[in-house]
Amino acid sequence: MAQSLELLLIQFLMPDNDARRQAEEQIKRLAKDPQVIPALIHHLRTAKTPNVRQLSAVLLRKKITGHWAKLSPQLRHLVKQSLIESITMEHSSHEFR
């Protein structure tokens, strides 16, 4: 899911309305699966472009509450830890610019 989601996130950010609409529909379908949460966190942390990281964060914010109860305790812990690390990484990368 992670690789196809990355392509959809990039496509979602394109100026072409048809491509964006197709990506949006596919993202909505993928977002029904709780496994979208770790995939979005992966892109939040590893995407090369800030726009993809930002879109991942926005989608994660919108979807995490609906899927939280469906995640295993281990995955919840991993999500919390990853978000804290992402915030500190993003913050420290701005300090060096």
PDB file of N, CA and C in Angstrom:
ATOM      1  N   MET A   1       0.814  -1.197   0.000  1.00  0.00           N
ATOM      2  CA  MET A   1       0.000   0.000   0.000  1.00  0.00           C
ATOM      3  C   MET A   1       0.857   1.260   0.000  1.00  0.00           C
ATOM      4  N   ALA A   2       1.992   1.209   0.671  1.00  0.00           N
ATOM      5  CA  ALA A   2       2.810   2.409   0.840  1.00  0.00           C
ATOM      6  C   ALA A   2       3.265   2.998  -0.489  1.00  0.00           C
ATOM      7  N   GLN A   3       3.721   2.138  -1.406  1.00  0.00           N
ATOM      8  CA  GLN A   3       4.236   2.640  -2.677  1.00  0.00           C
ATOM      9  C   GLN A   3       3.116   3.224  -3.532  1.00  0.00           C
ATOM     10  N   SER A   4       1.977   2.541  -3.598  1.00  0.00           N
ATOM     11  CA  SER A   4       0.870   3.064  -4.391  1.00  0.00           C
ATOM     12  C   SER A   4       0.308   4.332  -3.759  1.00  0.00           C
ATOM     13  N   LEU A   5       0.312   4.401  -2.436  1.00  0.00           N
ATOM     14  CA  LEU A   5      -0.169   5.601  -1.756  1.00  0.00           C
ATOM     15  C   LEU A   5       0.722   6.791  -2.069  1.00  0.00           C
ATOM     16  N   GLU A   6       2.018   6.569  -2.112  1.00  0.00           N
ATOM     17  CA  GLU A   6       2.941   7.667  -2.443  1.00  0.00           C
ATOM     18  C   GLU A   6       2.632   8.236  -3.817  1.00  0.00           C
ATOM     19  N   LEU A   7       2.405   7.382  -4.786  1.00  0.00           N
ATOM     20  CA  LEU A   7       2.074   7.846  -6.133  1.00  0.00           C
ATOM     21  C   LEU A   7       0.759   8.614  -6.141  1.00  0.00           C
ATOM     22  N   LEU A   8      -0.209   8.140  -5.366  1.00  0.00           N
ATOM     23  CA  LEU A   8      -1.495   8.834  -5.283  1.00  0.00           C
ATOM     24  C   LEU A   8      -1.355  10.199  -4.612  1.00  0.00           C
ATOM     25  N   LEU A   9      -0.516  10.284  -3.595  1.00  0.00           N
ATOM     26  CA  LEU A   9      -0.295  11.576  -2.932  1.00  0.00           C
ATOM     27  C   LEU A   9       0.341  12.574  -3.891  1.00  0.00           C
ATOM     28  N   ILE A  10       1.297  12.103  -4.671  1.00  0.00           N
ATOM     29  CA  ILE A  10       1.940  12.973  -5.665  1.00  0.00           C
ATOM     30  C   ILE A  10       0.928  13.397  -6.714  1.00  0.00           C
ATOM     31  N   GLN A  11       0.127  12.440  -7.181  1.00  0.00           N
ATOM     32  CA  GLN A  11      -0.897  12.721  -8.197  1.00  0.00           C
ATOM     33  C   GLN A  11      -1.945  13.694  -7.646  1.00  0.00           C
ATOM     34  N   PHE A  12      -2.275  13.557  -6.377  1.00  0.00           N
ATOM     35  CA  PHE A  12      -3.252  14.427  -5.738  1.00  0.00           C
ATOM     36  C   PHE A  12      -2.801  15.891  -5.768  1.00  0.00           C
ATOM     37  N   LEU A  13      -1.507  16.109  -5.748  1.00  0.00           N
ATOM     38  CA  LEU A  13      -0.949  17.462  -5.715  1.00  0.00           C
ATOM     39  C   LEU A  13      -0.740  18.067  -7.100  1.00  0.00           C
ATOM     40  N   MET A  14      -1.037  17.310  -8.155  1.00  0.00           N
ATOM     41  CA  MET A  14      -0.845  17.799  -9.519  1.00  0.00           C
ATOM     42  C   MET A  14      -1.905  18.844  -9.871  1.00  0.00           C
ATOM     43  N   PRO A  15      -1.553  19.766 -10.753  1.00  0.00           N
ATOM     44  CA  PRO A  15      -2.523  20.793 -11.153  1.00  0.00           C
ATOM     45  C   PRO A  15      -3.644  20.265 -12.060  1.00  0.00           C
ATOM     46  N   ASP A  16      -3.467  19.102 -12.662  1.00  0.00           N
ATOM     47  CA  ASP A  16      -4.469  18.517 -13.550  1.00  0.00           C
ATOM     48  C   ASP A  16      -5.673  18.042 -12.727  1.00  0.00           C
ATOM     49  N   ASN A  17      -6.836  18.647 -12.943  1.00  0.00           N
ATOM     50  CA  ASN A  17      -8.025  18.331 -12.152  1.00  0.00           C
ATOM     51  C   ASN A  17      -8.462  16.877 -12.276  1.00  0.00           C
ATOM     52  N   ASP A  18      -8.373  16.304 -13.472  1.00  0.00           N
ATOM     53  CA  ASP A  18      -8.783  14.915 -13.651  1.00  0.00           C
ATOM     54  C   ASP A  18      -7.881  13.964 -12.870  1.00  0.00           C
ATOM     55  N   ALA A  19      -6.584  14.192 -12.954  1.00  0.00           N
ATOM     56  CA  ALA A  19      -5.627  13.354 -12.227  1.00  0.00           C
ATOM     57  C   ALA A  19      -5.836  13.497 -10.726  1.00  0.00           C
ATOM     58  N   ARG A  20      -6.057  14.713 -10.281  1.00  0.00           N
ATOM     59  CA  ARG A  20      -6.280  14.974  -8.857  1.00  0.00           C
ATOM     60  C   ARG A  20      -7.559  14.290  -8.379  1.00  0.00           C
ATOM     61  N   ARG A  21      -8.617  14.371  -9.156  1.00  0.00           N
ATOM     62  CA  ARG A  21      -9.890  13.764  -8.787  1.00  0.00           C
ATOM     63  C   ARG A  21      -9.763  12.238  -8.703  1.00  0.00           C
ATOM     64  N   GLN A  22      -9.065  11.644  -9.663  1.00  0.00           N
ATOM     65  CA  GLN A  22      -8.849  10.190  -9.629  1.00  0.00           C
ATOM     66  C   GLN A  22      -8.061   9.784  -8.384  1.00  0.00           C
ATOM     67  N   ALA A  23      -7.017  10.541  -8.095  1.00  0.00           N
ATOM     68  CA  ALA A  23      -6.201  10.250  -6.915  1.00  0.00           C
ATOM     69  C   ALA A  23      -7.030  10.392  -5.645  1.00  0.00           C
ATOM     70  N   GLU A  24      -7.849  11.420  -5.596  1.00  0.00           N
ATOM     71  CA  GLU A  24      -8.687  11.648  -4.415  1.00  0.00           C
ATOM     72  C   GLU A  24      -9.652  10.482  -4.189  1.00  0.00           C
ATOM     73  N   GLU A  25     -10.249   9.982  -5.247  1.00  0.00           N
ATOM     74  CA  GLU A  25     -11.177   8.844  -5.127  1.00  0.00           C
ATOM     75  C   GLU A  25     -10.453   7.590  -4.631  1.00  0.00           C
ATOM     76  N   GLN A  26      -9.263   7.346  -5.167  1.00  0.00           N
ATOM     77  CA  GLN A  26      -8.506   6.164  -4.748  1.00  0.00           C
ATOM     78  C   GLN A  26      -8.016   6.300  -3.309  1.00  0.00           C
ATOM     79  N   ILE A  27      -7.613   7.491  -2.923  1.00  0.00           N
ATOM     80  CA  ILE A  27      -7.177   7.723  -1.542  1.00  0.00           C
ATOM     81  C   ILE A  27      -8.353   7.503  -0.591  1.00  0.00           C
ATOM     82  N   LYS A  28      -9.544   7.955  -0.979  1.00  0.00           N
ATOM     83  CA  LYS A  28     -10.722   7.735  -0.134  1.00  0.00           C
ATOM     84  C   LYS A  28     -10.986   6.252   0.063  1.00  0.00           C
ATOM     85  N   ARG A  29     -10.810   5.467  -0.988  1.00  0.00           N
ATOM     86  CA  ARG A  29     -11.005   4.013  -0.863  1.00  0.00           C
ATOM     87  C   ARG A  29      -9.954   3.398   0.058  1.00  0.00           C
ATOM     88  N   LEU A  30      -8.691   3.791  -0.137  1.00  0.00           N
ATOM     89  CA  LEU A  30      -7.619   3.259   0.709  1.00  0.00           C
ATOM     90  C   LEU A  30      -7.788   3.682   2.170  1.00  0.00           C
ATOM     91  N   ALA A  31      -8.317   4.868   2.380  1.00  0.00           N
ATOM     92  CA  ALA A  31      -8.435   5.420   3.729  1.00  0.00           C
ATOM     93  C   ALA A  31      -9.452   4.669   4.577  1.00  0.00           C
ATOM     94  N   LYS A  32     -10.251   3.802   3.986  1.00  0.00           N
ATOM     95  CA  LYS A  32     -11.210   3.003   4.753  1.00  0.00           C
ATOM     96  C   LYS A  32     -10.518   1.867   5.506  1.00  0.00           C
ATOM     97  N   ASP A  33      -9.303   1.549   5.116  1.00  0.00           N
ATOM     98  CA  ASP A  33      -8.526   0.478   5.735  1.00  0.00           C
ATOM     99  C   ASP A  33      -7.654   1.066   6.854  1.00  0.00           C
ATOM    100  N   PRO A  34      -7.716   0.515   8.068  1.00  0.00           N
ATOM    101  CA  PRO A  34      -6.887   1.034   9.168  1.00  0.00           C
ATOM    102  C   PRO A  34      -5.390   1.016   8.858  1.00  0.00           C
ATOM    103  N   GLN A  35      -4.965   0.163   7.935  1.00  0.00           N
ATOM    104  CA  GLN A  35      -3.543   0.105   7.602  1.00  0.00           C
ATOM    105  C   GLN A  35      -3.060   1.354   6.862  1.00  0.00           C
ATOM    106  N   VAL A  36      -3.986   2.253   6.531  1.00  0.00           N
ATOM    107  CA  VAL A  36      -3.582   3.511   5.915  1.00  0.00           C
ATOM    108  C   VAL A  36      -2.809   4.368   6.927  1.00  0.00           C
ATOM    109  N   ILE A  37      -3.065   4.169   8.219  1.00  0.00           N
ATOM    110  CA  ILE A  37      -2.405   4.983   9.250  1.00  0.00           C
ATOM    111  C   ILE A  37      -0.885   4.780   9.235  1.00  0.00           C
ATOM    112  N   PRO A  38      -0.381   3.539   9.320  1.00  0.00           N
ATOM    113  CA  PRO A  38       1.073   3.379   9.245  1.00  0.00           C
ATOM    114  C   PRO A  38       1.643   3.814   7.892  1.00  0.00           C
ATOM    115  N   ALA A  39       0.870   3.646   6.820  1.00  0.00           N
ATOM    116  CA  ALA A  39       1.353   4.070   5.498  1.00  0.00           C
ATOM    117  C   ALA A  39       1.492   5.590   5.443  1.00  0.00           C
ATOM    118  N   LEU A  40       0.525   6.302   5.986  1.00  0.00           N
ATOM    119  CA  LEU A  40       0.610   7.769   6.002  1.00  0.00           C
ATOM    120  C   LEU A  40       1.766   8.242   6.884  1.00  0.00           C
ATOM    121  N   ILE A  41       1.978   7.577   8.002  1.00  0.00           N
ATOM    122  CA  ILE A  41       3.105   7.937   8.862  1.00  0.00           C
ATOM    123  C   ILE A  41       4.422   7.710   8.132  1.00  0.00           C
ATOM    124  N   HIS A  42       4.489   6.623   7.387  1.00  0.00           N
ATOM    125  CA  HIS A  42       5.698   6.345   6.599  1.00  0.00           C
ATOM    126  C   HIS A  42       5.989   7.505   5.646  1.00  0.00           C
ATOM    127  N   HIS A  43       4.970   7.983   4.945  1.00  0.00           N
ATOM    128  CA  HIS A  43       5.176   9.083   3.994  1.00  0.00           C
ATOM    129  C   HIS A  43       5.402  10.410   4.695  1.00  0.00           C
ATOM    130  N   LEU A  44       4.790  10.575   5.841  1.00  0.00           N
ATOM    131  CA  LEU A  44       5.021  11.773   6.648  1.00  0.00           C
ATOM    132  C   LEU A  44       6.492  11.878   7.032  1.00  0.00           C
ATOM    133  N   ARG A  45       7.118  10.744   7.267  1.00  0.00           N
ATOM    134  CA  ARG A  45       8.514  10.719   7.716  1.00  0.00           C
ATOM    135  C   ARG A  45       9.523  10.625   6.582  1.00  0.00           C
ATOM    136  N   THR A  46       9.154  10.011   5.447  1.00  0.00           N
ATOM    137  CA  THR A  46      10.173   9.693   4.450  1.00  0.00           C
ATOM    138  C   THR A  46      10.022  10.376   3.096  1.00  0.00           C
ATOM    139  N   ALA A  47       8.883  11.027   2.855  1.00  0.00           N
ATOM    140  CA  ALA A  47       8.689  11.655   1.539  1.00  0.00           C
ATOM    141  C   ALA A  47       9.745  12.728   1.310  1.00  0.00           C
ATOM    142  N   LYS A  48      10.236  12.773   0.091  1.00  0.00           N
ATOM    143  CA  LYS A  48      11.293  13.731  -0.241  1.00  0.00           C
ATOM    144  C   LYS A  48      10.766  15.167  -0.336  1.00  0.00           C
ATOM    145  N   THR A  49       9.539  15.320  -0.775  1.00  0.00           N
ATOM    146  CA  THR A  49       9.001  16.673  -0.944  1.00  0.00           C
ATOM    147  C   THR A  49       8.137  17.076   0.246  1.00  0.00           C
ATOM    148  N   PRO A  50       8.276  18.308   0.689  1.00  0.00           N
ATOM    149  CA  PRO A  50       7.489  18.795   1.824  1.00  0.00           C
ATOM    150  C   PRO A  50       5.979  18.735   1.562  1.00  0.00           C
ATOM    151  N   ASN A  51       5.557  18.943   0.321  1.00  0.00           N
ATOM    152  CA  ASN A  51       4.129  18.918   0.014  1.00  0.00           C
ATOM    153  C   ASN A  51       3.519  17.542   0.275  1.00  0.00           C
ATOM    154  N   VAL A  52       4.239  16.492  -0.060  1.00  0.00           N
ATOM    155  CA  VAL A  52       3.745  15.129   0.185  1.00  0.00           C
ATOM    156  C   VAL A  52       3.732  14.847   1.684  1.00  0.00           C
ATOM    157  N   ARG A  53       4.745  15.295   2.397  1.00  0.00           N
ATOM    158  CA  ARG A  53       4.763  15.115   3.853  1.00  0.00           C
ATOM    159  C   ARG A  53       3.577  15.858   4.493  1.00  0.00           C
ATOM    160  N   GLN A  54       3.341  17.067   4.015  1.00  0.00           N
ATOM    161  CA  GLN A  54       2.247  17.868   4.564  1.00  0.00           C
ATOM    162  C   GLN A  54       0.888  17.231   4.260  1.00  0.00           C
ATOM    163  N   LEU A  55       0.683  16.760   3.042  1.00  0.00           N
ATOM    164  CA  LEU A  55      -0.570  16.097   2.691  1.00  0.00           C
ATOM    165  C   LEU A  55      -0.759  14.828   3.512  1.00  0.00           C
ATOM    166  N   SER A  56       0.307  14.089   3.729  1.00  0.00           N
ATOM    167  CA  SER A  56       0.232  12.892   4.570  1.00  0.00           C
ATOM    168  C   SER A  56      -0.213  13.251   5.988  1.00  0.00           C
ATOM    169  N   ALA A  57       0.312  14.336   6.511  1.00  0.00           N
ATOM    170  CA  ALA A  57      -0.051  14.773   7.864  1.00  0.00           C
ATOM    171  C   ALA A  57      -1.518  15.186   7.936  1.00  0.00           C
ATOM    172  N   VAL A  58      -1.990  15.888   6.921  1.00  0.00           N
ATOM    173  CA  VAL A  58      -3.389  16.323   6.899  1.00  0.00           C
ATOM    174  C   VAL A  58      -4.322  15.115   6.831  1.00  0.00           C
ATOM    175  N   LEU A  59      -4.015  14.177   5.938  1.00  0.00           N
ATOM    176  CA  LEU A  59      -4.847  12.975   5.819  1.00  0.00           C
ATOM    177  C   LEU A  59      -4.792  12.138   7.097  1.00  0.00           C
ATOM    178  N   LEU A  60      -3.623  12.054   7.697  1.00  0.00           N
ATOM    179  CA  LEU A  60      -3.477  11.313   8.943  1.00  0.00           C
ATOM    180  C   LEU A  60      -4.343  11.934  10.040  1.00  0.00           C
ATOM    181  N   ARG A  61      -4.313  13.236  10.122  1.00  0.00           N
ATOM    182  CA  ARG A  61      -5.121  13.940  11.130  1.00  0.00           C
ATOM    183  C   ARG A  61      -6.603  13.644  10.933  1.00  0.00           C
ATOM    184  N   LYS A  62      -7.037  13.592   9.682  1.00  0.00           N
ATOM    185  CA  LYS A  62      -8.448  13.352   9.401  1.00  0.00           C
ATOM    186  C   LYS A  62      -8.867  11.909   9.661  1.00  0.00           C
ATOM    187  N   LYS A  63      -7.967  10.958   9.489  1.00  0.00           N
ATOM    188  CA  LYS A  63      -8.331   9.538   9.532  1.00  0.00           C
ATOM    189  C   LYS A  63      -7.969   8.821  10.826  1.00  0.00           C
ATOM    190  N   ILE A  64      -7.062   9.375  11.613  1.00  0.00           N
ATOM    191  CA  ILE A  64      -6.547   8.618  12.754  1.00  0.00           C
ATOM    192  C   ILE A  64      -7.614   8.358  13.817  1.00  0.00           C
ATOM    193  N   THR A  65      -8.493   9.301  14.059  1.00  0.00           N
ATOM    194  CA  THR A  65      -9.492   9.086  15.112  1.00  0.00           C
ATOM    195  C   THR A  65     -10.474   7.978  14.737  1.00  0.00           C
ATOM    196  N   GLY A  66     -10.831   7.874  13.482  1.00  0.00           N
ATOM    197  CA  GLY A  66     -11.750   6.833  13.055  1.00  0.00           C
ATOM    198  C   GLY A  66     -11.159   5.436  13.096  1.00  0.00           C
ATOM    199  N   HIS A  67      -9.845   5.340  12.961  1.00  0.00           N
ATOM    200  CA  HIS A  67      -9.185   4.035  12.921  1.00  0.00           C
ATOM    201  C   HIS A  67      -8.474   3.676  14.225  1.00  0.00           C
ATOM    202  N   TRP A  68      -8.360   4.615  15.156  1.00  0.00           N
ATOM    203  CA  TRP A  68      -7.535   4.406  16.349  1.00  0.00           C
ATOM    204  C   TRP A  68      -7.941   3.143  17.115  1.00  0.00           C
ATOM    205  N   ALA A  69      -9.219   2.948  17.334  1.00  0.00           N
ATOM    206  CA  ALA A  69      -9.681   1.797  18.110  1.00  0.00           C
ATOM    207  C   ALA A  69      -9.412   0.474  17.393  1.00  0.00           C
ATOM    208  N   LYS A  70      -9.248   0.523  16.094  1.00  0.00           N
ATOM    209  CA  LYS A  70      -9.020  -0.695  15.310  1.00  0.00           C
ATOM    210  C   LYS A  70      -7.546  -1.106  15.279  1.00  0.00           C
ATOM    211  N   LEU A  71      -6.669  -0.215  15.714  1.00  0.00           N
ATOM    212  CA  LEU A  71      -5.238  -0.502  15.689  1.00  0.00           C
ATOM    213  C   LEU A  71      -4.844  -1.325  16.918  1.00  0.00           C
ATOM    214  N   SER A  72      -3.876  -2.189  16.728  1.00  0.00           N
ATOM    215  CA  SER A  72      -3.380  -2.983  17.854  1.00  0.00           C
ATOM    216  C   SER A  72      -2.627  -2.062  18.826  1.00  0.00           C
ATOM    217  N   PRO A  73      -2.515  -2.472  20.096  1.00  0.00           N
ATOM    218  CA  PRO A  73      -1.765  -1.653  21.062  1.00  0.00           C
ATOM    219  C   PRO A  73      -0.322  -1.389  20.615  1.00  0.00           C
ATOM    220  N   GLN A  74       0.302  -2.388  20.002  1.00  0.00           N
ATOM    221  CA  GLN A  74       1.672  -2.198  19.529  1.00  0.00           C
ATOM    222  C   GLN A  74       1.727  -1.138  18.426  1.00  0.00           C
ATOM    223  N   LEU A  75       0.755  -1.195  17.531  1.00  0.00           N
ATOM    224  CA  LEU A  75       0.726  -0.216  16.440  1.00  0.00           C
ATOM    225  C   LEU A  75       0.403   1.177  16.972  1.00  0.00           C
ATOM    226  N   ARG A  76      -0.464   1.264  17.969  1.00  0.00           N
ATOM    227  CA  ARG A  76      -0.747   2.567  18.586  1.00  0.00           C
ATOM    228  C   ARG A  76       0.513   3.163  19.191  1.00  0.00           C
ATOM    229  N   HIS A  77       1.283   2.336  19.891  1.00  0.00           N
ATOM    230  CA  HIS A  77       2.537   2.807  20.480  1.00  0.00           C
ATOM    231  C   HIS A  77       3.498   3.271  19.377  1.00  0.00           C
ATOM    232  N   LEU A  78       3.588   2.493  18.321  1.00  0.00           N
ATOM    233  CA  LEU A  78       4.457   2.855  17.199  1.00  0.00           C
ATOM    234  C   LEU A  78       4.013   4.175  16.565  1.00  0.00           C
ATOM    235  N   VAL A  79       2.707   4.373  16.420  1.00  0.00           N
ATOM    236  CA  VAL A  79       2.172   5.612  15.858  1.00  0.00           C
ATOM    237  C   VAL A  79       2.572   6.792  16.734  1.00  0.00           C
ATOM    238  N   LYS A  80       2.363   6.665  18.039  1.00  0.00           N
ATOM    239  CA  LYS A  80       2.719   7.752  18.958  1.00  0.00           C
ATOM    240  C   LYS A  80       4.205   8.081  18.873  1.00  0.00           C
ATOM    241  N   GLN A  81       5.018   7.048  18.922  1.00  0.00           N
ATOM    242  CA  GLN A  81       6.462   7.244  18.878  1.00  0.00           C
ATOM    243  C   GLN A  81       6.899   7.889  17.559  1.00  0.00           C
ATOM    244  N   SER A  82       6.333   7.414  16.457  1.00  0.00           N
ATOM    245  CA  SER A  82       6.692   7.940  15.142  1.00  0.00           C
ATOM    246  C   SER A  82       6.295   9.399  14.991  1.00  0.00           C
ATOM    247  N   LEU A  83       5.139   9.755  15.520  1.00  0.00           N
ATOM    248  CA  LEU A  83       4.700  11.146  15.424  1.00  0.00           C
ATOM    249  C   LEU A  83       5.607  12.071  16.230  1.00  0.00           C
ATOM    250  N   ILE A  84       5.984  11.642  17.416  1.00  0.00           N
ATOM    251  CA  ILE A  84       6.896  12.454  18.234  1.00  0.00           C
ATOM    252  C   ILE A  84       8.234  12.620  17.519  1.00  0.00           C
ATOM    253  N   GLU A  85       8.762  11.531  16.980  1.00  0.00           N
ATOM    254  CA  GLU A  85      10.031  11.606  16.254  1.00  0.00           C
ATOM    255  C   GLU A  85       9.909  12.490  15.012  1.00  0.00           C
ATOM    256  N   SER A  86       8.793  12.409  14.317  1.00  0.00           N
ATOM    257  CA  SER A  86       8.589  13.218  13.113  1.00  0.00           C
ATOM    258  C   SER A  86       8.570  14.701  13.442  1.00  0.00           C
ATOM    259  N   ILE A  87       7.907  15.039  14.538  1.00  0.00           N
ATOM    260  CA  ILE A  87       7.841  16.445  14.942  1.00  0.00           C
ATOM    261  C   ILE A  87       9.231  16.963  15.265  1.00  0.00           C
ATOM    262  N   THR A  88      10.004  16.195  16.011  1.00  0.00           N
ATOM    263  CA  THR A  88      11.337  16.664  16.377  1.00  0.00           C
ATOM    264  C   THR A  88      12.268  16.698  15.167  1.00  0.00           C
ATOM    265  N   MET A  89      12.125  15.728  14.250  1.00  0.00           N
ATOM    266  CA  MET A  89      12.950  15.736  13.029  1.00  0.00           C
ATOM    267  C   MET A  89      12.636  16.950  12.170  1.00  0.00           C
ATOM    268  N   GLU A  90      11.358  17.222  11.950  1.00  0.00           N
ATOM    269  CA  GLU A  90      10.934  18.345  11.113  1.00  0.00           C
ATOM    270  C   GLU A  90      11.376  19.651  11.743  1.00  0.00           C
ATOM    271  N   HIS A  91      11.229  19.749  13.060  1.00  0.00           N
ATOM    272  CA  HIS A  91      11.619  20.972  13.765  1.00  0.00           C
ATOM    273  C   HIS A  91      13.125  21.200  13.667  1.00  0.00           C
ATOM    274  N   SER A  92      13.912  20.156  13.878  1.00  0.00           N
ATOM    275  CA  SER A  92      15.360  20.320  13.837  1.00  0.00           C
ATOM    276  C   SER A  92      15.861  20.563  12.412  1.00  0.00           C
ATOM    277  N   SER A  93      15.178  20.056  11.404  1.00  0.00           N
ATOM    278  CA  SER A  93      15.623  20.294  10.024  1.00  0.00           C
ATOM    279  C   SER A  93      15.404  21.750   9.633  1.00  0.00           C
ATOM    280  N   HIS A  94      14.395  22.413  10.232  1.00  0.00           N
ATOM    281  CA  HIS A  94      14.176  23.837   9.963  1.00  0.00           C
ATOM    282  C   HIS A  94      15.245  24.698  10.612  1.00  0.00           C
ATOM    283  N   GLU A  95      15.804  24.247  11.712  1.00  0.00           N
ATOM    284  CA  GLU A  95      16.814  25.025  12.410  1.00  0.00           C
ATOM    285  C   GLU A  95      18.101  25.133  11.595  1.00  0.00           C
ATOM    286  N   PHE A  96      18.362  24.165  10.733  1.00  0.00           N
ATOM    287  CA  PHE A  96      19.605  24.153   9.982  1.00  0.00           C
ATOM    288  C   PHE A  96      19.509  24.836   8.623  1.00  0.00           C
ATOM    289  N   ARG A  97      18.333  25.327   8.266  1.00  0.00           N
ATOM    290  CA  ARG A  97      18.175  25.964   6.959  1.00  0.00           C
ATOM    291  C   ARG A  97      18.600  27.390   6.964  1.00  0.00           C
TER     292      ARG A  97
END
